[in-house]
Amino acid sequence: MPITFRKSFRIFPGVRLNINTKSWSLTFGGKHGPHYTRSSTGRRTTSMDLPGPFGWRRTTRRGRG
């Protein structure tokens, strides 16, 4: 089993700084409703928890070049 590192800090209400071994990201949004995440690797994710076992997520990646 590989050793992993992940830490999350709450900067302001509704804003989190997430750090792992390869990148960092900022997440905007509360517990309920939409979440917007921007990663240092260029990944952008929009997600929303829906009632029941449902959820919605869309991820895009910044083009290289």
PDB file of N, CA and C in Angstrom:
ATOM      1  N   MET A   1       0.846  -1.178   0.000  1.00  0.00           N
ATOM      2  CA  MET A   1       0.000   0.000   0.000  1.00  0.00           C
ATOM      3  C   MET A   1       0.889   1.237   0.000  1.00  0.00           C
ATOM      4  N   PRO A   2       0.713   2.152  -0.966  1.00  0.00           N
ATOM      5  CA  PRO A   2       1.584   3.323  -1.042  1.00  0.00           C
ATOM      6  C   PRO A   2       1.284   4.329   0.068  1.00  0.00           C
ATOM      7  N   ILE A   3       2.289   5.085   0.407  1.00  0.00           N
ATOM      8  CA  ILE A   3       2.136   6.141   1.404  1.00  0.00           C
ATOM      9  C   ILE A   3       1.649   7.393   0.671  1.00  0.00           C
ATOM     10  N   THR A   4       0.579   7.984   1.175  1.00  0.00           N
ATOM     11  CA  THR A   4       0.026   9.190   0.555  1.00  0.00           C
ATOM     12  C   THR A   4      -0.013  10.317   1.574  1.00  0.00           C
ATOM     13  N   PHE A   5      -0.073  11.527   1.055  1.00  0.00           N
ATOM     14  CA  PHE A   5      -0.181  12.706   1.892  1.00  0.00           C
ATOM     15  C   PHE A   5      -1.261  13.603   1.302  1.00  0.00           C
ATOM     16  N   ARG A   6      -2.186  14.026   2.123  1.00  0.00           N
ATOM     17  CA  ARG A   6      -3.221  14.972   1.709  1.00  0.00           C
ATOM     18  C   ARG A   6      -3.634  15.776   2.920  1.00  0.00           C
ATOM     19  N   LYS A   7      -3.666  17.094   2.765  1.00  0.00           N
ATOM     20  CA  LYS A   7      -4.063  17.975   3.850  1.00  0.00           C
ATOM     21  C   LYS A   7      -4.962  19.062   3.299  1.00  0.00           C
ATOM     22  N   SER A   8      -5.989  19.413   4.047  1.00  0.00           N
ATOM     23  CA  SER A   8      -6.945  20.422   3.624  1.00  0.00           C
ATOM     24  C   SER A   8      -7.057  21.479   4.724  1.00  0.00           C
ATOM     25  N   PHE A   9      -6.970  22.755   4.327  1.00  0.00           N
ATOM     26  CA  PHE A   9      -7.076  23.870   5.259  1.00  0.00           C
ATOM     27  C   PHE A   9      -8.242  24.755   4.855  1.00  0.00           C
ATOM     28  N   ARG A  10      -9.026  25.195   5.820  1.00  0.00           N
ATOM     29  CA  ARG A  10     -10.092  26.154   5.545  1.00  0.00           C
ATOM     30  C   ARG A  10      -9.509  27.547   5.667  1.00  0.00           C
ATOM     31  N   ILE A  11      -9.476  28.285   4.563  1.00  0.00           N
ATOM     32  CA  ILE A  11      -8.902  29.628   4.543  1.00  0.00           C
ATOM     33  C   ILE A  11      -9.943  30.645   4.975  1.00  0.00           C
ATOM     34  N   PHE A  12     -11.094  30.614   4.326  1.00  0.00           N
ATOM     35  CA  PHE A  12     -12.240  31.460   4.636  1.00  0.00           C
ATOM     36  C   PHE A  12     -13.469  30.560   4.619  1.00  0.00           C
ATOM     37  N   PRO A  13     -14.602  31.013   5.133  1.00  0.00           N
ATOM     38  CA  PRO A  13     -15.813  30.205   4.980  1.00  0.00           C
ATOM     39  C   PRO A  13     -16.113  29.974   3.500  1.00  0.00           C
ATOM     40  N   GLY A  14     -16.186  28.728   3.101  1.00  0.00           N
ATOM     41  CA  GLY A  14     -16.473  28.381   1.716  1.00  0.00           C
ATOM     42  C   GLY A  14     -15.254  28.275   0.822  1.00  0.00           C
ATOM     43  N   VAL A  15     -14.034  28.459   1.374  1.00  0.00           N
ATOM     44  CA  VAL A  15     -12.807  28.360   0.573  1.00  0.00           C
ATOM     45  C   VAL A  15     -11.837  27.417   1.286  1.00  0.00           C
ATOM     46  N   ARG A  16     -11.354  26.407   0.541  1.00  0.00           N
ATOM     47  CA  ARG A  16     -10.406  25.446   1.102  1.00  0.00           C
ATOM     48  C   ARG A  16      -9.156  25.367   0.251  1.00  0.00           C
ATOM     49  N   LEU A  17      -8.016  25.196   0.904  1.00  0.00           N
ATOM     50  CA  LEU A  17      -6.749  24.938   0.241  1.00  0.00           C
ATOM     51  C   LEU A  17      -6.421  23.475   0.485  1.00  0.00           C
ATOM     52  N   ASN A  18      -6.283  22.705  -0.591  1.00  0.00           N
ATOM     53  CA  ASN A  18      -5.998  21.285  -0.507  1.00  0.00           C
ATOM     54  C   ASN A  18      -4.584  21.045  -1.023  1.00  0.00           C
ATOM     55  N   ILE A  19      -3.782  20.326  -0.254  1.00  0.00           N
ATOM     56  CA  ILE A  19      -2.392  20.064  -0.624  1.00  0.00           C
ATOM     57  C   ILE A  19      -2.151  18.568  -0.608  1.00  0.00           C
ATOM     58  N   ASN A  20      -1.495  18.052  -1.664  1.00  0.00           N
ATOM     59  CA  ASN A  20      -1.030  16.673  -1.654  1.00  0.00           C
ATOM     60  C   ASN A  20       0.404  16.652  -2.160  1.00  0.00           C
ATOM     61  N   THR A  21       0.972  15.490  -2.384  1.00  0.00           N
ATOM     62  CA  THR A  21       2.391  15.400  -2.712  1.00  0.00           C
ATOM     63  C   THR A  21       2.726  15.956  -4.091  1.00  0.00           C
ATOM     64  N   LYS A  22       1.781  15.991  -5.037  1.00  0.00           N
ATOM     65  CA  LYS A  22       2.078  16.422  -6.395  1.00  0.00           C
ATOM     66  C   LYS A  22       1.495  17.767  -6.790  1.00  0.00           C
ATOM     67  N   SER A  23       0.493  18.265  -6.080  1.00  0.00           N
ATOM     68  CA  SER A  23      -0.144  19.513  -6.481  1.00  0.00           C
ATOM     69  C   SER A  23      -0.887  20.137  -5.306  1.00  0.00           C
ATOM     70  N   TRP A  24      -1.481  21.289  -5.572  1.00  0.00           N
ATOM     71  CA  TRP A  24      -2.351  21.957  -4.613  1.00  0.00           C
ATOM     72  C   TRP A  24      -3.570  22.456  -5.377  1.00  0.00           C
ATOM     73  N   SER A  25      -4.650  22.710  -4.656  1.00  0.00           N
ATOM     74  CA  SER A  25      -5.860  23.193  -5.307  1.00  0.00           C
ATOM     75  C   SER A  25      -6.649  24.063  -4.350  1.00  0.00           C
ATOM     76  N   LEU A  26      -7.516  24.890  -4.932  1.00  0.00           N
ATOM     77  CA  LEU A  26      -8.448  25.717  -4.173  1.00  0.00           C
ATOM     78  C   LEU A  26      -9.855  25.265  -4.500  1.00  0.00           C
ATOM     79  N   THR A  27     -10.667  25.073  -3.480  1.00  0.00           N
ATOM     80  CA  THR A  27     -12.055  24.686  -3.660  1.00  0.00           C
ATOM     81  C   THR A  27     -12.943  25.791  -3.113  1.00  0.00           C
ATOM     82  N   PHE A  28     -13.908  26.218  -3.933  1.00  0.00           N
ATOM     83  CA  PHE A  28     -14.859  27.255  -3.550  1.00  0.00           C
ATOM     84  C   PHE A  28     -16.241  26.628  -3.463  1.00  0.00           C
ATOM     85  N   GLY A  29     -16.941  26.866  -2.368  1.00  0.00           N
ATOM     86  CA  GLY A  29     -18.291  26.340  -2.204  1.00  0.00           C
ATOM     87  C   GLY A  29     -18.466  25.732  -0.827  1.00  0.00           C
ATOM     88  N   GLY A  30     -19.695  25.689  -0.358  1.00  0.00           N
ATOM     89  CA  GLY A  30     -19.987  25.143   0.951  1.00  0.00           C
ATOM     90  C   GLY A  30     -20.235  23.652   0.909  1.00  0.00           C
ATOM     91  N   LYS A  31     -20.826  23.136   1.988  1.00  0.00           N
ATOM     92  CA  LYS A  31     -21.116  21.704   2.046  1.00  0.00           C
ATOM     93  C   LYS A  31     -22.182  21.296   1.044  1.00  0.00           C
ATOM     94  N   HIS A  32     -23.159  22.140   0.857  1.00  0.00           N
ATOM     95  CA  HIS A  32     -24.255  21.835  -0.051  1.00  0.00           C
ATOM     96  C   HIS A  32     -24.230  22.822  -1.214  1.00  0.00           C
ATOM     97  N   GLY A  33     -24.629  22.369  -2.372  1.00  0.00           N
ATOM     98  CA  GLY A  33     -24.612  23.231  -3.540  1.00  0.00           C
ATOM     99  C   GLY A  33     -23.383  22.961  -4.395  1.00  0.00           C
ATOM    100  N   PRO A  34     -23.136  23.815  -5.368  1.00  0.00           N
ATOM    101  CA  PRO A  34     -22.023  23.570  -6.292  1.00  0.00           C
ATOM    102  C   PRO A  34     -20.658  23.829  -5.657  1.00  0.00           C
ATOM    103  N   HIS A  35     -19.652  23.087  -6.118  1.00  0.00           N
ATOM    104  CA  HIS A  35     -18.262  23.260  -5.717  1.00  0.00           C
ATOM    105  C   HIS A  35     -17.446  23.518  -6.974  1.00  0.00           C
ATOM    106  N   TYR A  36     -16.513  24.447  -6.886  1.00  0.00           N
ATOM    107  CA  TYR A  36     -15.621  24.751  -7.999  1.00  0.00           C
ATOM    108  C   TYR A  36     -14.202  24.541  -7.511  1.00  0.00           C
ATOM    109  N   THR A  37     -13.431  23.706  -8.206  1.00  0.00           N
ATOM    110  CA  THR A  37     -12.068  23.406  -7.805  1.00  0.00           C
ATOM    111  C   THR A  37     -11.108  23.769  -8.926  1.00  0.00           C
ATOM    112  N   ARG A  38     -10.023  24.474  -8.585  1.00  0.00           N
ATOM    113  CA  ARG A  38      -8.966  24.819  -9.535  1.00  0.00           C
ATOM    114  C   ARG A  38      -7.664  24.252  -8.981  1.00  0.00           C
ATOM    115  N   SER A  39      -6.994  23.429  -9.779  1.00  0.00           N
ATOM    116  CA  SER A  39      -5.778  22.754  -9.348  1.00  0.00           C
ATOM    117  C   SER A  39      -4.553  23.402  -9.971  1.00  0.00           C
ATOM    118  N   SER A  40      -3.403  23.239  -9.334  1.00  0.00           N
ATOM    119  CA  SER A  40      -2.147  23.766  -9.868  1.00  0.00           C
ATOM    120  C   SER A  40      -1.716  23.021 -11.123  1.00  0.00           C
ATOM    121  N   THR A  41      -2.264  21.847 -11.386  1.00  0.00           N
ATOM    122  CA  THR A  41      -1.936  21.084 -12.591  1.00  0.00           C
ATOM    123  C   THR A  41      -2.807  21.481 -13.774  1.00  0.00           C
ATOM    124  N   GLY A  42      -3.762  22.395 -13.568  1.00  0.00           N
ATOM    125  CA  GLY A  42      -4.611  22.859 -14.647  1.00  0.00           C
ATOM    126  C   GLY A  42      -5.987  22.231 -14.680  1.00  0.00           C
ATOM    127  N   ARG A  43      -6.268  21.336 -13.785  1.00  0.00           N
ATOM    128  CA  ARG A  43      -7.581  20.691 -13.753  1.00  0.00           C
ATOM    129  C   ARG A  43      -8.601  21.624 -13.121  1.00  0.00           C
ATOM    130  N   ARG A  44      -9.763  21.714 -13.749  1.00  0.00           N
ATOM    131  CA  ARG A  44     -10.885  22.500 -13.226  1.00  0.00           C
ATOM    132  C   ARG A  44     -12.073  21.567 -13.076  1.00  0.00           C
ATOM    133  N   THR A  45     -12.645  21.519 -11.898  1.00  0.00           N
ATOM    134  CA  THR A  45     -13.763  20.621 -11.639  1.00  0.00           C
ATOM    135  C   THR A  45     -14.934  21.406 -11.069  1.00  0.00           C
ATOM    136  N   THR A  46     -16.108  21.146 -11.616  1.00  0.00           N
ATOM    137  CA  THR A  46     -17.358  21.674 -11.081  1.00  0.00           C
ATOM    138  C   THR A  46     -18.182  20.474 -10.654  1.00  0.00           C
ATOM    139  N   SER A  47     -18.665  20.469  -9.425  1.00  0.00           N
ATOM    140  CA  SER A  47     -19.439  19.334  -8.954  1.00  0.00           C
ATOM    141  C   SER A  47     -20.569  19.814  -8.055  1.00  0.00           C
ATOM    142  N   MET A  48     -21.574  18.950  -7.924  1.00  0.00           N
ATOM    143  CA  MET A  48     -22.711  19.271  -7.075  1.00  0.00           C
ATOM    144  C   MET A  48     -23.270  17.977  -6.497  1.00  0.00           C
ATOM    145  N   ASP A  49     -23.523  17.977  -5.193  1.00  0.00           N
ATOM    146  CA  ASP A  49     -24.178  16.848  -4.555  1.00  0.00           C
ATOM    147  C   ASP A  49     -25.674  16.999  -4.758  1.00  0.00           C
ATOM    148  N   LEU A  50     -26.309  15.925  -5.194  1.00  0.00           N
ATOM    149  CA  LEU A  50     -27.744  15.923  -5.408  1.00  0.00           C
ATOM    150  C   LEU A  50     -28.404  15.022  -4.378  1.00  0.00           C
ATOM    151  N   PRO A  51     -29.694  15.164  -4.146  1.00  0.00           N
ATOM    152  CA  PRO A  51     -30.363  14.342  -3.132  1.00  0.00           C
ATOM    153  C   PRO A  51     -30.204  12.851  -3.402  1.00  0.00           C
ATOM    154  N   GLY A  52     -30.078  12.099  -2.331  1.00  0.00           N
ATOM    155  CA  GLY A  52     -29.925  10.650  -2.461  1.00  0.00           C
ATOM    156  C   GLY A  52     -28.501  10.284  -2.850  1.00  0.00           C
ATOM    157  N   PRO A  53     -28.330   9.157  -3.507  1.00  0.00           N
ATOM    158  CA  PRO A  53     -26.976   8.704  -3.860  1.00  0.00           C
ATOM    159  C   PRO A  53     -26.473   9.301  -5.173  1.00  0.00           C
ATOM    160  N   PHE A  54     -26.968  10.453  -5.546  1.00  0.00           N
ATOM    161  CA  PHE A  54     -26.631  11.041  -6.830  1.00  0.00           C
ATOM    162  C   PHE A  54     -25.671  12.209  -6.670  1.00  0.00           C
ATOM    163  N   GLY A  55     -24.926  12.460  -7.690  1.00  0.00           N
ATOM    164  CA  GLY A  55     -24.021  13.597  -7.732  1.00  0.00           C
ATOM    165  C   GLY A  55     -23.714  13.921  -9.178  1.00  0.00           C
ATOM    166  N   TRP A  56     -23.182  15.104  -9.404  1.00  0.00           N
ATOM    167  CA  TRP A  56     -22.850  15.522 -10.762  1.00  0.00           C
ATOM    168  C   TRP A  56     -21.458  16.112 -10.723  1.00  0.00           C
ATOM    169  N   ARG A  57     -20.640  15.783 -11.736  1.00  0.00           N
ATOM    170  CA  ARG A  57     -19.271  16.280 -11.786  1.00  0.00           C
ATOM    171  C   ARG A  57     -18.845  16.491 -13.229  1.00  0.00           C
ATOM    172  N   ARG A  58     -18.154  17.603 -13.472  1.00  0.00           N
ATOM    173  CA  ARG A  58     -17.589  17.869 -14.790  1.00  0.00           C
ATOM    174  C   ARG A  58     -16.159  18.339 -14.590  1.00  0.00           C
ATOM    175  N   THR A  59     -15.225  17.673 -15.255  1.00  0.00           N
ATOM    176  CA  THR A  59     -13.812  18.007 -15.122  1.00  0.00           C
ATOM    177  C   THR A  59     -13.244  18.379 -16.485  1.00  0.00           C
ATOM    178  N   THR A  60     -12.512  19.472 -16.526  1.00  0.00           N
ATOM    179  CA  THR A  60     -11.811  19.868 -17.746  1.00  0.00           C
ATOM    180  C   THR A  60     -10.346  20.054 -17.396  1.00  0.00           C
ATOM    181  N   ARG A  61      -9.516  19.951 -18.404  1.00  0.00           N
ATOM    182  CA  ARG A  61      -8.074  20.078 -18.199  1.00  0.00           C
ATOM    183  C   ARG A  61      -7.534  21.153 -19.143  1.00  0.00           C
ATOM    184  N   ARG A  62      -6.656  21.982 -18.633  1.00  0.00           N
ATOM    185  CA  ARG A  62      -6.052  23.040 -19.425  1.00  0.00           C
ATOM    186  C   ARG A  62      -5.180  22.421 -20.513  1.00  0.00           C
ATOM    187  N   GLY A  63      -5.273  22.938 -21.720  1.00  0.00           N
ATOM    188  CA  GLY A  63      -4.482  22.431 -22.825  1.00  0.00           C
ATOM    189  C   GLY A  63      -3.003  22.733 -22.652  1.00  0.00           C
ATOM    190  N   ARG A  64      -2.168  21.842 -23.090  1.00  0.00           N
ATOM    191  CA  ARG A  64      -0.720  22.041 -23.000  1.00  0.00           C
ATOM    192  C   ARG A  64      -0.202  22.549 -24.319  1.00  0.00           C
ATOM    193  N   GLY A  65       0.678  23.512 -24.249  1.00  0.00           N
ATOM    194  CA  GLY A  65       1.284  23.958 -25.477  1.00  0.00           C
ATOM    195  C   GLY A  65       1.101  25.381 -25.661  1.00  0.00           C
TER     196      GLY A  65
END
